Amino acid sequence: MKRKKKISVVIPCYNEEENIRAMTETVVGIFEKDLPDYDYEIICIDNHSKDRTRVLLREICAQNPRIKAIFNARNFGQMRSPVHGLKQAYGDAVIRLNADFQDPPELIPRFVHEWEKGSKIVLGIKNKTEEGALMAWLRRRYYRILRKITEVGHIENFTGVGLYDKAFVDVVRKIHDPMPYFRGMVAEFGYDYASVYYDRPNRRAGKSKNNFYSLYDVAMTGITSYSKVLLRLATFLGVLIGGASVVIAIVYLILKLIHWNWFRSGIAPLVIGVFFLGGVELFFTGLLGEYIQSINQRVLDRPLVVEEERINFDDNTPVNE
């Protein structure tokens, strides 16, 4: 009898008590109705939720042994926990979804169809989003800047949702990065990919856990992990400003010598120049600090997450890597 191909679905969650049961039931229903020729497992990795998410996951796992759960010992952030969950999946292909229904689980059959056509990576690309106009504009600007200042072709409107063949997941398993920027990994180490476009709705229930600081943290991780252009810009800008200062000083000296009695430059240019140079120095000092922090986190070589408990795995011993 021919072995069924196994699809692993990884669902990171944090405070998703209003969504997690509906999400797992929807995914199970899709496999039973639309993909009956495939075996499946669902891995929910909980990033130390403060609501009833864990209670519900225990009940869900008790009702269906194909649904598995990993409980982190604390919240390890939105970059580390999903990658750790991906590394615990050993299906022929791994699908990454979010628990809030913003990336519809109905995409799963489309992902699998493209995979069966030969694509080792199938990415969900947002065609339209219902988020605010300002946030959508900022995202577009960020990805365009990132593509210009990095050597890796980052993928616009890609959040990490998609299907990944086990060959790529094995590559990810070999990468030990305490601050993994998964979108960059896909762009840098991934195979040629197929795209599935979709309109992204708002959350079905609950509130988004993202805020300006968490989004800024992800954005700076992407920049410091894949770009050296901004550091070199500091050098170029320093040379440019230094050269301009020498030219201005020579012009000022000549004018002062020619019109000694009446030429006065005033204090305004001096004040403006001091504040301008101070702003430039502070900007690049902060930027340098971001790079140093990124280096420090990688040198410390801490584990991605520390597991507190796992349910329905063949070996329920927590894995910390």
C-alpha atoms as a PDB file:
ATOM      1  CA  MET A   1       0.000   0.000   0.000  1.00  0.00           C
ATOM      2  CA  LYS A   2       1.393   3.387  -0.994  1.00  0.00           C
ATOM      3  CA  ARG A   3       2.312   5.607   1.933  1.00  0.00           C
ATOM      4  CA  LYS A   4       0.311   8.792   2.263  1.00  0.00           C
ATOM      5  CA  LYS A   5       2.303  11.973   2.147  1.00  0.00           C
ATOM      6  CA  LYS A   6       2.236  13.766   5.469  1.00  0.00           C
ATOM      7  CA  ILE A   7       1.559  17.494   5.792  1.00  0.00           C
ATOM      8  CA  SER A   8       2.554  19.258   9.012  1.00  0.00           C
ATOM      9  CA  VAL A   9       0.685  22.455   9.855  1.00  0.00           C
ATOM     10  CA  VAL A  10       2.479  24.714  12.329  1.00  0.00           C
ATOM     11  CA  ILE A  11       0.337  27.308  14.112  1.00  0.00           C
ATOM     12  CA  PRO A  12       2.096  29.765  16.470  1.00  0.00           C
ATOM     13  CA  CYS A  13      -0.282  31.235  19.022  1.00  0.00           C
ATOM     14  CA  TYR A  14      -0.309  33.705  21.880  1.00  0.00           C
ATOM     15  CA  ASN A  15      -3.511  34.609  23.742  1.00  0.00           C
ATOM     16  CA  GLU A  16      -5.727  33.080  21.057  1.00  0.00           C
ATOM     17  CA  GLU A  17      -8.472  31.547  23.212  1.00  0.00           C
ATOM     18  CA  GLU A  18     -11.110  33.002  20.896  1.00  0.00           C
ATOM     19  CA  ASN A  19      -9.562  31.511  17.761  1.00  0.00           C
ATOM     20  CA  ILE A  20      -7.585  28.361  18.490  1.00  0.00           C
ATOM     21  CA  ARG A  21     -10.455  25.855  18.621  1.00  0.00           C
ATOM     22  CA  ALA A  22     -12.077  27.240  15.473  1.00  0.00           C
ATOM     23  CA  MET A  23      -8.717  27.254  13.688  1.00  0.00           C
ATOM     24  CA  THR A  24      -7.853  23.632  14.483  1.00  0.00           C
ATOM     25  CA  GLU A  25     -11.381  22.470  13.594  1.00  0.00           C
ATOM     26  CA  THR A  26     -11.192  24.342  10.284  1.00  0.00           C
ATOM     27  CA  VAL A  27      -7.808  22.833   9.387  1.00  0.00           C
ATOM     28  CA  VAL A  28      -8.980  19.316  10.288  1.00  0.00           C
ATOM     29  CA  GLY A  29     -12.104  19.804   8.194  1.00  0.00           C
ATOM     30  CA  ILE A  30     -10.049  20.936   5.184  1.00  0.00           C
ATOM     31  CA  PHE A  31      -7.876  17.822   5.304  1.00  0.00           C
ATOM     32  CA  GLU A  32     -10.828  15.470   5.748  1.00  0.00           C
ATOM     33  CA  LYS A  33     -12.898  17.091   3.004  1.00  0.00           C
ATOM     34  CA  ASP A  34     -10.440  18.534   0.457  1.00  0.00           C
ATOM     35  CA  LEU A  35      -7.243  16.545   1.074  1.00  0.00           C
ATOM     36  CA  PRO A  36      -8.327  13.027   2.139  1.00  0.00           C
ATOM     37  CA  ASP A  37      -5.350  11.414   0.380  1.00  0.00           C
ATOM     38  CA  TYR A  38      -2.884  13.081   2.752  1.00  0.00           C
ATOM     39  CA  ASP A  39      -1.906  12.313   6.305  1.00  0.00           C
ATOM     40  CA  TYR A  40      -1.583  15.363   8.517  1.00  0.00           C
ATOM     41  CA  GLU A  41      -0.541  16.706  11.879  1.00  0.00           C
ATOM     42  CA  ILE A  42      -1.178  20.090  13.478  1.00  0.00           C
ATOM     43  CA  ILE A  43       1.488  21.559  15.763  1.00  0.00           C
ATOM     44  CA  CYS A  44       0.364  24.487  17.903  1.00  0.00           C
ATOM     45  CA  ILE A  45       3.276  26.232  19.605  1.00  0.00           C
ATOM     46  CA  ASP A  46       2.046  28.451  22.425  1.00  0.00           C
ATOM     47  CA  ASN A  47       4.270  31.390  23.352  1.00  0.00           C
ATOM     48  CA  HIS A  48       3.297  31.445  27.052  1.00  0.00           C
ATOM     49  CA  SER A  49      -0.280  32.693  26.704  1.00  0.00           C
ATOM     50  CA  LYS A  50      -1.876  34.466  29.643  1.00  0.00           C
ATOM     51  CA  ASP A  51      -5.466  33.544  28.769  1.00  0.00           C
ATOM     52  CA  ARG A  52      -7.160  30.109  28.399  1.00  0.00           C
ATOM     53  CA  THR A  53      -5.302  29.142  25.223  1.00  0.00           C
ATOM     54  CA  ARG A  54      -3.338  26.384  26.969  1.00  0.00           C
ATOM     55  CA  VAL A  55      -6.428  24.969  28.656  1.00  0.00           C
ATOM     56  CA  LEU A  56      -8.173  24.766  25.305  1.00  0.00           C
ATOM     57  CA  LEU A  57      -5.125  23.216  23.628  1.00  0.00           C
ATOM     58  CA  ARG A  58      -5.035  20.445  26.234  1.00  0.00           C
ATOM     59  CA  GLU A  59      -8.700  19.680  25.508  1.00  0.00           C
ATOM     60  CA  ILE A  60      -8.159  19.799  21.746  1.00  0.00           C
ATOM     61  CA  CYS A  61      -5.117  17.512  21.910  1.00  0.00           C
ATOM     62  CA  ALA A  62      -7.008  15.031  24.089  1.00  0.00           C
ATOM     63  CA  GLN A  63      -9.768  14.843  21.472  1.00  0.00           C
ATOM     64  CA  ASN A  64      -7.479  14.440  18.438  1.00  0.00           C
ATOM     65  CA  PRO A  65      -4.035  12.803  18.703  1.00  0.00           C
ATOM     66  CA  ARG A  66      -3.050  14.340  15.365  1.00  0.00           C
ATOM     67  CA  ILE A  67      -3.082  17.746  17.033  1.00  0.00           C
ATOM     68  CA  LYS A  68       0.081  18.405  19.014  1.00  0.00           C
ATOM     69  CA  ALA A  69       1.070  21.233  21.326  1.00  0.00           C
ATOM     70  CA  ILE A  70       4.297  22.823  22.503  1.00  0.00           C
ATOM     71  CA  PHE A  71       4.182  25.134  25.528  1.00  0.00           C
ATOM     72  CA  ASN A  72       7.047  27.598  25.855  1.00  0.00           C
ATOM     73  CA  ALA A  73       8.365  28.369  29.329  1.00  0.00           C
ATOM     74  CA  ARG A  74       7.961  32.091  28.623  1.00  0.00           C
ATOM     75  CA  ASN A  75       7.272  34.453  25.738  1.00  0.00           C
ATOM     76  CA  PHE A  76      10.248  34.298  23.371  1.00  0.00           C
ATOM     77  CA  GLY A  77       8.935  36.770  20.804  1.00  0.00           C
ATOM     78  CA  GLN A  78       7.238  36.500  17.455  1.00  0.00           C
ATOM     79  CA  MET A  79      10.397  35.623  15.524  1.00  0.00           C
ATOM     80  CA  ARG A  80      11.857  32.809  17.615  1.00  0.00           C
ATOM     81  CA  SER A  81       8.818  30.745  18.567  1.00  0.00           C
ATOM     82  CA  PRO A  82       7.442  30.124  15.022  1.00  0.00           C
ATOM     83  CA  VAL A  83      10.861  29.037  13.721  1.00  0.00           C
ATOM     84  CA  HIS A  84      11.255  26.619  16.640  1.00  0.00           C
ATOM     85  CA  GLY A  85       7.830  25.184  15.836  1.00  0.00           C
ATOM     86  CA  LEU A  86       8.838  24.762  12.194  1.00  0.00           C
ATOM     87  CA  LYS A  87      11.925  22.799  13.269  1.00  0.00           C
ATOM     88  CA  GLN A  88       9.737  20.337  15.214  1.00  0.00           C
ATOM     89  CA  ALA A  89       7.714  19.413  12.116  1.00  0.00           C
ATOM     90  CA  TYR A  90       8.859  16.365  10.113  1.00  0.00           C
ATOM     91  CA  GLY A  91       6.161  16.028   7.484  1.00  0.00           C
ATOM     92  CA  ASP A  92       6.881  15.773   3.769  1.00  0.00           C
ATOM     93  CA  ALA A  93       5.843  19.420   3.685  1.00  0.00           C
ATOM     94  CA  VAL A  94       5.243  21.974   6.422  1.00  0.00           C
ATOM     95  CA  ILE A  95       2.574  24.671   6.241  1.00  0.00           C
ATOM     96  CA  ARG A  96       2.860  27.756   8.422  1.00  0.00           C
ATOM     97  CA  LEU A  97      -0.382  29.478   9.437  1.00  0.00           C
ATOM     98  CA  ASN A  98      -1.369  32.057  12.035  1.00  0.00           C
ATOM     99  CA  ALA A  99      -4.108  31.381  14.561  1.00  0.00           C
ATOM    100  CA  ASP A 100      -6.081  34.579  13.963  1.00  0.00           C
ATOM    101  CA  PHE A 101      -7.565  33.661  10.534  1.00  0.00           C
ATOM    102  CA  GLN A 102      -5.895  36.662   8.881  1.00  0.00           C
ATOM    103  CA  ASP A 103      -4.182  34.146   6.629  1.00  0.00           C
ATOM    104  CA  PRO A 104      -7.154  31.950   5.666  1.00  0.00           C
ATOM    105  CA  PRO A 105      -6.696  28.202   6.221  1.00  0.00           C
ATOM    106  CA  GLU A 106      -8.593  27.750   2.936  1.00  0.00           C
ATOM    107  CA  LEU A 107      -5.218  28.488   1.313  1.00  0.00           C
ATOM    108  CA  ILE A 108      -3.976  25.020   2.324  1.00  0.00           C
ATOM    109  CA  PRO A 109      -5.341  23.119  -0.732  1.00  0.00           C
ATOM    110  CA  ARG A 110      -3.889  25.783  -3.029  1.00  0.00           C
ATOM    111  CA  PHE A 111      -0.505  25.467  -1.323  1.00  0.00           C
ATOM    112  CA  VAL A 112      -0.547  21.676  -1.662  1.00  0.00           C
ATOM    113  CA  HIS A 113      -1.601  21.872  -5.327  1.00  0.00           C
ATOM    114  CA  GLU A 114       1.367  24.111  -6.176  1.00  0.00           C
ATOM    115  CA  TRP A 115       3.677  21.852  -4.176  1.00  0.00           C
ATOM    116  CA  GLU A 116       2.532  18.781  -6.084  1.00  0.00           C
ATOM    117  CA  LYS A 117       3.290  20.637  -9.315  1.00  0.00           C
ATOM    118  CA  GLY A 118       6.938  20.706  -8.241  1.00  0.00           C
ATOM    119  CA  SER A 119       7.474  23.877  -6.188  1.00  0.00           C
ATOM    120  CA  LYS A 120       9.437  23.190  -3.013  1.00  0.00           C
ATOM    121  CA  ILE A 121       8.297  26.498  -1.531  1.00  0.00           C
ATOM    122  CA  VAL A 122       4.838  28.029  -1.951  1.00  0.00           C
ATOM    123  CA  LEU A 123       4.404  31.462  -0.413  1.00  0.00           C
ATOM    124  CA  GLY A 124       1.230  33.240   0.566  1.00  0.00           C
ATOM    125  CA  ILE A 125       1.484  36.797  -0.756  1.00  0.00           C
ATOM    126  CA  LYS A 126      -0.930  39.439   0.468  1.00  0.00           C
ATOM    127  CA  ASN A 127      -2.797  40.854  -2.488  1.00  0.00           C
ATOM    128  CA  LYS A 128      -4.912  43.171  -0.393  1.00  0.00           C
ATOM    129  CA  THR A 129      -5.059  43.898   3.323  1.00  0.00           C
ATOM    130  CA  GLU A 130      -7.687  45.497   5.510  1.00  0.00           C
ATOM    131  CA  GLU A 131      -5.114  47.121   7.816  1.00  0.00           C
ATOM    132  CA  GLY A 132      -4.897  50.912   8.067  1.00  0.00           C
ATOM    133  CA  ALA A 133      -3.656  52.941   5.123  1.00  0.00           C
ATOM    134  CA  LEU A 134      -0.698  54.320   7.091  1.00  0.00           C
ATOM    135  CA  MET A 135       0.516  50.873   8.185  1.00  0.00           C
ATOM    136  CA  ALA A 136       0.122  49.471   4.678  1.00  0.00           C
ATOM    137  CA  TRP A 137       2.107  52.405   3.271  1.00  0.00           C
ATOM    138  CA  LEU A 138       4.869  51.943   5.875  1.00  0.00           C
ATOM    139  CA  ARG A 139       5.123  48.228   5.050  1.00  0.00           C
ATOM    140  CA  ARG A 140       5.490  48.940   1.342  1.00  0.00           C
ATOM    141  CA  ARG A 141       8.163  51.556   1.968  1.00  0.00           C
ATOM    142  CA  TYR A 142      10.051  49.219   4.322  1.00  0.00           C
ATOM    143  CA  TYR A 143      10.200  46.328   1.861  1.00  0.00           C
ATOM    144  CA  ARG A 144      11.245  48.555  -0.996  1.00  0.00           C
ATOM    145  CA  ILE A 145      14.043  50.066   1.090  1.00  0.00           C
ATOM    146  CA  LEU A 146      15.082  46.609   2.297  1.00  0.00           C
ATOM    147  CA  ARG A 147      15.359  45.301  -1.252  1.00  0.00           C
ATOM    148  CA  LYS A 148      17.552  48.240  -2.207  1.00  0.00           C
ATOM    149  CA  ILE A 149      19.967  48.102   0.747  1.00  0.00           C
ATOM    150  CA  THR A 150      20.393  44.322   1.020  1.00  0.00           C
ATOM    151  CA  GLU A 151      21.977  41.746  -1.236  1.00  0.00           C
ATOM    152  CA  VAL A 152      19.061  39.358  -0.667  1.00  0.00           C
ATOM    153  CA  GLY A 153      15.881  39.904  -2.679  1.00  0.00           C
ATOM    154  CA  HIS A 154      13.295  40.236   0.083  1.00  0.00           C
ATOM    155  CA  ILE A 155       9.746  39.299  -0.822  1.00  0.00           C
ATOM    156  CA  GLU A 156       7.169  42.053  -0.521  1.00  0.00           C
ATOM    157  CA  ASN A 157       3.853  41.363   1.256  1.00  0.00           C
ATOM    158  CA  PHE A 158       5.106  38.005   2.543  1.00  0.00           C
ATOM    159  CA  THR A 159       4.592  37.379   6.268  1.00  0.00           C
ATOM    160  CA  GLY A 160       5.963  33.827   6.572  1.00  0.00           C
ATOM    161  CA  VAL A 161       2.732  31.996   5.745  1.00  0.00           C
ATOM    162  CA  GLY A 162       3.173  29.305   3.128  1.00  0.00           C
ATOM    163  CA  LEU A 163       4.212  25.723   2.408  1.00  0.00           C
ATOM    164  CA  TYR A 164       7.801  24.508   2.758  1.00  0.00           C
ATOM    165  CA  ASP A 165       9.082  21.210   1.469  1.00  0.00           C
ATOM    166  CA  LYS A 166      10.984  19.071   3.976  1.00  0.00           C
ATOM    167  CA  ALA A 167      14.170  19.751   1.975  1.00  0.00           C
ATOM    168  CA  PHE A 168      13.963  23.447   2.902  1.00  0.00           C
ATOM    169  CA  VAL A 169      12.858  22.729   6.483  1.00  0.00           C
ATOM    170  CA  ASP A 170      15.993  20.557   6.858  1.00  0.00           C
ATOM    171  CA  VAL A 171      18.042  23.591   5.793  1.00  0.00           C
ATOM    172  CA  VAL A 172      16.304  25.737   8.421  1.00  0.00           C
ATOM    173  CA  ARG A 173      16.999  23.071  11.065  1.00  0.00           C
ATOM    174  CA  LYS A 174      20.732  23.435  10.406  1.00  0.00           C
ATOM    175  CA  ILE A 175      20.660  27.210  10.919  1.00  0.00           C
ATOM    176  CA  HIS A 176      21.271  28.067  14.562  1.00  0.00           C
ATOM    177  CA  ASP A 177      20.406  31.737  14.813  1.00  0.00           C
ATOM    178  CA  PRO A 178      19.102  33.032  18.184  1.00  0.00           C
ATOM    179  CA  MET A 179      17.344  35.883  16.339  1.00  0.00           C
ATOM    180  CA  PRO A 180      15.991  34.244  13.168  1.00  0.00           C
ATOM    181  CA  TYR A 181      14.501  36.519  10.531  1.00  0.00           C
ATOM    182  CA  PHE A 182      12.499  33.867   8.718  1.00  0.00           C
ATOM    183  CA  ARG A 183      11.499  36.020   5.753  1.00  0.00           C
ATOM    184  CA  GLY A 184      15.172  36.640   5.104  1.00  0.00           C
ATOM    185  CA  MET A 185      15.941  32.916   5.406  1.00  0.00           C
ATOM    186  CA  VAL A 186      13.371  32.142   2.721  1.00  0.00           C
ATOM    187  CA  ALA A 187      14.813  34.802   0.437  1.00  0.00           C
ATOM    188  CA  GLU A 188      18.435  33.785   1.076  1.00  0.00           C
ATOM    189  CA  PHE A 189      18.331  29.993   1.336  1.00  0.00           C
ATOM    190  CA  GLY A 190      15.016  29.069  -0.266  1.00  0.00           C
ATOM    191  CA  TYR A 191      14.443  27.377  -3.588  1.00  0.00           C
ATOM    192  CA  ASP A 192      12.536  28.988  -6.438  1.00  0.00           C
ATOM    193  CA  TYR A 193       9.068  29.546  -5.101  1.00  0.00           C
ATOM    194  CA  ALA A 194       5.493  29.710  -6.316  1.00  0.00           C
ATOM    195  CA  SER A 195       3.193  32.474  -5.122  1.00  0.00           C
ATOM    196  CA  VAL A 196      -0.408  32.192  -3.992  1.00  0.00           C
ATOM    197  CA  TYR A 197      -2.079  35.597  -3.800  1.00  0.00           C
ATOM    198  CA  TYR A 198      -4.911  36.304  -1.391  1.00  0.00           C
ATOM    199  CA  ASP A 199      -6.798  39.147   0.254  1.00  0.00           C
ATOM    200  CA  ARG A 200      -5.940  39.411   3.928  1.00  0.00           C
ATOM    201  CA  PRO A 201      -8.915  40.161   6.196  1.00  0.00           C
ATOM    202  CA  ASN A 202      -8.850  41.530   9.730  1.00  0.00           C
ATOM    203  CA  ARG A 203      -8.602  39.189  12.694  1.00  0.00           C
ATOM    204  CA  ARG A 204     -11.694  37.050  13.250  1.00  0.00           C
ATOM    205  CA  ALA A 205     -11.584  37.653  17.018  1.00  0.00           C
ATOM    206  CA  GLY A 206      -9.278  39.051  19.682  1.00  0.00           C
ATOM    207  CA  LYS A 207      -6.763  41.859  19.475  1.00  0.00           C
ATOM    208  CA  SER A 208      -3.480  41.990  17.605  1.00  0.00           C
ATOM    209  CA  LYS A 209      -0.411  41.456  19.807  1.00  0.00           C
ATOM    210  CA  ASN A 210       1.722  43.621  17.540  1.00  0.00           C
ATOM    211  CA  ASN A 211       2.520  47.214  18.387  1.00  0.00           C
ATOM    212  CA  PHE A 212       4.920  49.800  17.006  1.00  0.00           C
ATOM    213  CA  TYR A 213       7.827  48.551  19.124  1.00  0.00           C
ATOM    214  CA  SER A 214       7.412  44.875  18.191  1.00  0.00           C
ATOM    215  CA  LEU A 215       7.109  45.736  14.484  1.00  0.00           C
ATOM    216  CA  TYR A 216      10.141  48.036  14.754  1.00  0.00           C
ATOM    217  CA  ASP A 217      12.092  45.192  16.389  1.00  0.00           C
ATOM    218  CA  VAL A 218      11.317  42.842  13.504  1.00  0.00           C
ATOM    219  CA  ALA A 219      12.139  45.525  10.952  1.00  0.00           C
ATOM    220  CA  MET A 220      15.528  46.329  12.502  1.00  0.00           C
ATOM    221  CA  THR A 221      16.377  42.631  12.767  1.00  0.00           C
ATOM    222  CA  GLY A 222      15.806  42.333   9.039  1.00  0.00           C
ATOM    223  CA  ILE A 223      18.016  45.356   8.324  1.00  0.00           C
ATOM    224  CA  THR A 224      20.889  44.471  10.666  1.00  0.00           C
ATOM    225  CA  SER A 225      20.885  40.826   9.571  1.00  0.00           C
ATOM    226  CA  TYR A 226      21.077  41.483   5.849  1.00  0.00           C
ATOM    227  CA  SER A 227      22.418  44.982   5.180  1.00  0.00           C
ATOM    228  CA  LYS A 228      25.792  46.713   5.520  1.00  0.00           C
ATOM    229  CA  VAL A 229      24.809  49.645   3.328  1.00  0.00           C
ATOM    230  CA  LEU A 230      23.693  51.899   6.201  1.00  0.00           C
ATOM    231  CA  LEU A 231      27.006  51.493   8.036  1.00  0.00           C
ATOM    232  CA  ARG A 232      28.893  52.428   4.902  1.00  0.00           C
ATOM    233  CA  LEU A 233      26.524  55.335   4.394  1.00  0.00           C
ATOM    234  CA  ALA A 234      27.796  56.726   7.706  1.00  0.00           C
ATOM    235  CA  THR A 235      31.347  56.672   6.324  1.00  0.00           C
ATOM    236  CA  PHE A 236      30.340  58.263   3.033  1.00  0.00           C
ATOM    237  CA  LEU A 237      28.233  60.913   4.771  1.00  0.00           C
ATOM    238  CA  GLY A 238      31.091  61.683   7.162  1.00  0.00           C
ATOM    239  CA  VAL A 239      33.483  62.204   4.262  1.00  0.00           C
ATOM    240  CA  LEU A 240      30.931  64.347   2.422  1.00  0.00           C
ATOM    241  CA  ILE A 241      30.148  66.564   5.420  1.00  0.00           C
ATOM    242  CA  GLY A 242      33.831  66.835   6.292  1.00  0.00           C
ATOM    243  CA  GLY A 243      34.700  67.893   2.743  1.00  0.00           C
ATOM    244  CA  ALA A 244      31.831  70.407   2.655  1.00  0.00           C
ATOM    245  CA  SER A 245      32.966  71.849   5.992  1.00  0.00           C
ATOM    246  CA  VAL A 246      36.486  72.416   4.627  1.00  0.00           C
ATOM    247  CA  VAL A 247      35.105  74.165   1.526  1.00  0.00           C
ATOM    248  CA  ILE A 248      32.799  76.362   3.627  1.00  0.00           C
ATOM    249  CA  ALA A 249      35.679  77.236   5.963  1.00  0.00           C
ATOM    250  CA  ILE A 250      37.886  78.298   3.024  1.00  0.00           C
ATOM    251  CA  VAL A 251      35.071  80.391   1.509  1.00  0.00           C
ATOM    252  CA  TYR A 252      34.418  82.019   4.881  1.00  0.00           C
ATOM    253  CA  LEU A 253      38.126  82.797   5.348  1.00  0.00           C
ATOM    254  CA  ILE A 254      38.398  84.381   1.902  1.00  0.00           C
ATOM    255  CA  LEU A 255      35.293  86.510   2.410  1.00  0.00           C
ATOM    256  CA  LYS A 256      36.502  87.560   5.857  1.00  0.00           C
ATOM    257  CA  LEU A 257      39.911  88.600   4.508  1.00  0.00           C
ATOM    258  CA  ILE A 258      38.375  90.552   1.624  1.00  0.00           C
ATOM    259  CA  HIS A 259      35.619  92.233   3.670  1.00  0.00           C
ATOM    260  CA  TRP A 260      37.206  92.315   7.107  1.00  0.00           C
ATOM    261  CA  ASN A 261      35.191  95.194   8.525  1.00  0.00           C
ATOM    262  CA  TRP A 262      31.684  94.453   7.391  1.00  0.00           C
ATOM    263  CA  PHE A 263      31.454  90.705   6.711  1.00  0.00           C
ATOM    264  CA  ARG A 264      29.656  88.870   9.476  1.00  0.00           C
ATOM    265  CA  SER A 265      28.410  85.313   9.095  1.00  0.00           C
ATOM    266  CA  GLY A 266      26.222  85.451  12.189  1.00  0.00           C
ATOM    267  CA  ILE A 267      25.496  82.773  14.795  1.00  0.00           C
ATOM    268  CA  ALA A 268      22.601  81.073  12.922  1.00  0.00           C
ATOM    269  CA  PRO A 269      24.779  79.034  10.517  1.00  0.00           C
ATOM    270  CA  LEU A 270      26.849  77.830  13.457  1.00  0.00           C
ATOM    271  CA  VAL A 271      23.805  76.731  15.464  1.00  0.00           C
ATOM    272  CA  ILE A 272      22.212  75.047  12.459  1.00  0.00           C
ATOM    273  CA  GLY A 273      25.439  73.234  11.649  1.00  0.00           C
ATOM    274  CA  VAL A 274      25.882  72.017  15.239  1.00  0.00           C
ATOM    275  CA  PHE A 275      22.323  70.675  15.446  1.00  0.00           C
ATOM    276  CA  PHE A 276      22.588  69.068  12.012  1.00  0.00           C
ATOM    277  CA  LEU A 277      25.833  67.290  12.825  1.00  0.00           C
ATOM    278  CA  GLY A 278      24.477  66.303  16.248  1.00  0.00           C
ATOM    279  CA  GLY A 279      21.389  64.760  14.641  1.00  0.00           C
ATOM    280  CA  VAL A 280      23.514  62.836  12.139  1.00  0.00           C
ATOM    281  CA  GLU A 281      25.799  61.560  14.912  1.00  0.00           C
ATOM    282  CA  LEU A 282      22.888  60.451  17.092  1.00  0.00           C
ATOM    283  CA  PHE A 283      21.214  58.664  14.175  1.00  0.00           C
ATOM    284  CA  PHE A 284      24.294  56.661  13.285  1.00  0.00           C
ATOM    285  CA  THR A 285      25.174  56.050  16.935  1.00  0.00           C
ATOM    286  CA  GLY A 286      21.729  54.485  17.372  1.00  0.00           C
ATOM    287  CA  LEU A 287      22.153  52.513  14.157  1.00  0.00           C
ATOM    288  CA  LEU A 288      25.535  51.263  15.312  1.00  0.00           C
ATOM    289  CA  GLY A 289      23.910  50.244  18.602  1.00  0.00           C
ATOM    290  CA  GLU A 290      21.360  48.145  16.686  1.00  0.00           C
ATOM    291  CA  TYR A 291      24.163  46.278  14.917  1.00  0.00           C
ATOM    292  CA  ILE A 292      26.064  45.773  18.185  1.00  0.00           C
ATOM    293  CA  GLN A 293      22.931  44.440  19.863  1.00  0.00           C
ATOM    294  CA  SER A 294      22.397  42.043  16.956  1.00  0.00           C
ATOM    295  CA  ILE A 295      25.990  40.822  17.252  1.00  0.00           C
ATOM    296  CA  ASN A 296      25.665  40.465  21.036  1.00  0.00           C
ATOM    297  CA  GLN A 297      22.533  38.329  20.791  1.00  0.00           C
ATOM    298  CA  ARG A 298      24.197  36.006  18.314  1.00  0.00           C
ATOM    299  CA  VAL A 299      27.439  35.751  20.281  1.00  0.00           C
ATOM    300  CA  LEU A 300      25.525  34.773  23.438  1.00  0.00           C
ATOM    301  CA  ASP A 301      24.112  31.886  21.360  1.00  0.00           C
ATOM    302  CA  ARG A 302      21.013  31.386  23.486  1.00  0.00           C
ATOM    303  CA  PRO A 303      18.423  28.739  22.565  1.00  0.00           C
ATOM    304  CA  LEU A 304      15.508  29.767  20.375  1.00  0.00           C
ATOM    305  CA  VAL A 305      13.009  28.806  23.076  1.00  0.00           C
ATOM    306  CA  VAL A 306      12.852  26.794  26.278  1.00  0.00           C
ATOM    307  CA  GLU A 307       9.975  24.333  26.198  1.00  0.00           C
ATOM    308  CA  GLU A 308       7.939  23.725  29.303  1.00  0.00           C
ATOM    309  CA  GLU A 309       5.797  20.893  27.956  1.00  0.00           C
ATOM    310  CA  ARG A 310       4.816  19.113  24.759  1.00  0.00           C
ATOM    311  CA  ILE A 311       1.693  17.031  24.106  1.00  0.00           C
ATOM    312  CA  ASN A 312       0.971  14.160  21.666  1.00  0.00           C
ATOM    313  CA  PHE A 313       4.538  13.894  20.408  1.00  0.00           C
ATOM    314  CA  ASP A 314       6.113  10.430  20.241  1.00  0.00           C
ATOM    315  CA  ASP A 315       8.630  11.730  22.772  1.00  0.00           C
ATOM    316  CA  ASN A 316       7.001  14.310  25.017  1.00  0.00           C
ATOM    317  CA  THR A 317      10.311  15.382  26.524  1.00  0.00           C
ATOM    318  CA  PRO A 318      10.738  19.150  25.966  1.00  0.00           C
ATOM    319  CA  VAL A 319      13.326  20.077  23.369  1.00  0.00           C
ATOM    320  CA  ASN A 320      15.366  23.222  24.002  1.00  0.00           C
ATOM    321  CA  GLU A 321      17.474  24.436  21.079  1.00  0.00           C
END
